[in-house]
Structures are given as structure tokens and as C-alpha cells.
């Protein structure tokens, strides 16, 4: 790779990173950034647990990861994140099959243009983008603490800037604007990270969030309201996945806690995302909604 390539620094760094032989889980791994993250982790020698919703797409994605990486250390699990029961079942399966979990990348997200509800009666973006990773992370935390050092990486977005959590209409029943609701769930990802990092301080498990950059994938086509032809090419996907990979593999961030990154650098997130009381309130409410004891 040419030295002036914007991602050459991270790739060179990662080739000698700690990630080799570690066990990593990536949600939303069937396509887009999650798929690219998976094949790059596999390239670096990690065992990659790929989470998808559809069997055919998941199997095709796993074959691509093996082809791109030259590694057979991949495992596909299916779970619909619109179902808390399936998220709980997934966590049980992971704990039963794997002796450790070193990296958890919460990448899965949806942006339905019209308001939909999940199996559990939650607004769909709230369910998939926030409640599902909140539950999955909490259920897998004991395994990750036993595997320390370990890293939790929450894929947020720059669209969180300017958004707030509307606790009076968290389900977006009064009005629904898909882009605005998406921004709110991405803010929720950072608030989740903020509170989680506080709770994990000194545990050997870190939690950080990131903005992946806007690329032409199906998710962002919906977000922009455009029917762009074709999907992102592999290089574009790797660029979108670069910061996720950086947070998973880099020794530079081994002890960083509760930070927000973009383009493989620490950035300042919105003031709203760092509000301690809002983070605590959202955590308590989320725990109640998913049935966890607080």
C-alpha cells in the first residue's frame, strides 16, 4: 500500500497489533462496514464471530471474509436484533461456545424510512440501534471481564451532533423523522459508552465509540433518502471500517476509556453525549426496557 494512502498508518500499525489470535465479535457483519471490519480482523489473525440476520446473506458474507482474509477462523451466528429474545439467545450461544471474548464491535443499525415497531413493541431504530447492543453488551460483559484486556467498540455517527434524547417521546410516537431518530439513537450509543466506561473503570475492559464516515452502503442510502446505484466497493468499505479496526487492534488505545473517535483520531463529541445525568438516566431506562436489574 502506498505510504501516502490515508489508511497506510493504521494498516502498518495493525500488522503488529495485539489482535492476533484474539476472539472478536462483529454485529451487522453480513454487509457494509461490518463485513469489511470482519475480513480485516480475520486478515490480522483474529477469530471472528460474525452476527447477521439472514442465513443466505450471512453465509455469503462469511465466504467473502474467508476469501479476502485467507483465514478459516470465522463463525456465523444468526440473530434478529429487533427481538430481545434472540439477542439473549445469541449471548447464551456465544458464552457456551467460546472460552473468551476480547473485542465486541456493536455495528448493526437500521434506518427505516417509515416508523416501524420491533417484536417487543419498541420503535425499530431504538430497538435495533440502541436496546439490542445495550442488552448484548451487558450479557457478554462477564465473559469479557474474564478475558481482559478486552475492548467494547460502539459504532455511532457524526449525525449525533445537535440531537438530544427526548425522554417524553422515546418511541417517536408523536412524530417520526427517520434521519432525526437515527441521530438520536447514535447519540444514545455515545451516552451508553459514556456510562459504560465509568462503570468499567479499572476492570481491564474498555469502551469507546466512533464515527465511521459516510460511505455508499444500503444503510446510508436510506439515511440520505437516495436510491444510489450499486453498493460500496471493497476499498470504500475498508475506509469506512478503518476506525473500528483501529479501536479493535491498535496498542495506542489499549487503555483509553469513554472516548469518541473519527478518522482514527480522538474527537470531541457533542456536549449532550457527555452529560452524566442524561447518560445515567438513559442507562436506567434502557435496563428497565430490556429487563435487566439496575
Foldseek 3Di string as FASTA:
>chain_A
DDPPPLQPVLLVQQLPFPLAAAEEEFEPCLDFLNLLLLLVSVLSHHQYEYEEADDVSQVVSLVVSCVSRVGPRYHYDHADLLDLVRLVVVLVVCVVPDQAHAEYELDDAAQDQDWDHGPLGATRRCRRLPLSVLSNCVSCVVRHLVHALHEYEYEAALLLPPAAQDPVCNRQPVHDGRLNNSSHSSLLSLLLQLVVLVVCVPSRYAYEYEHLDDDFAPRVCVNVVHPDPDGDDSVRSNSSNSLVNCRHTHPVCSPPHSFYDYSVDTDDHYPNSNPNVSSVVSSVVSCVSSVHDD
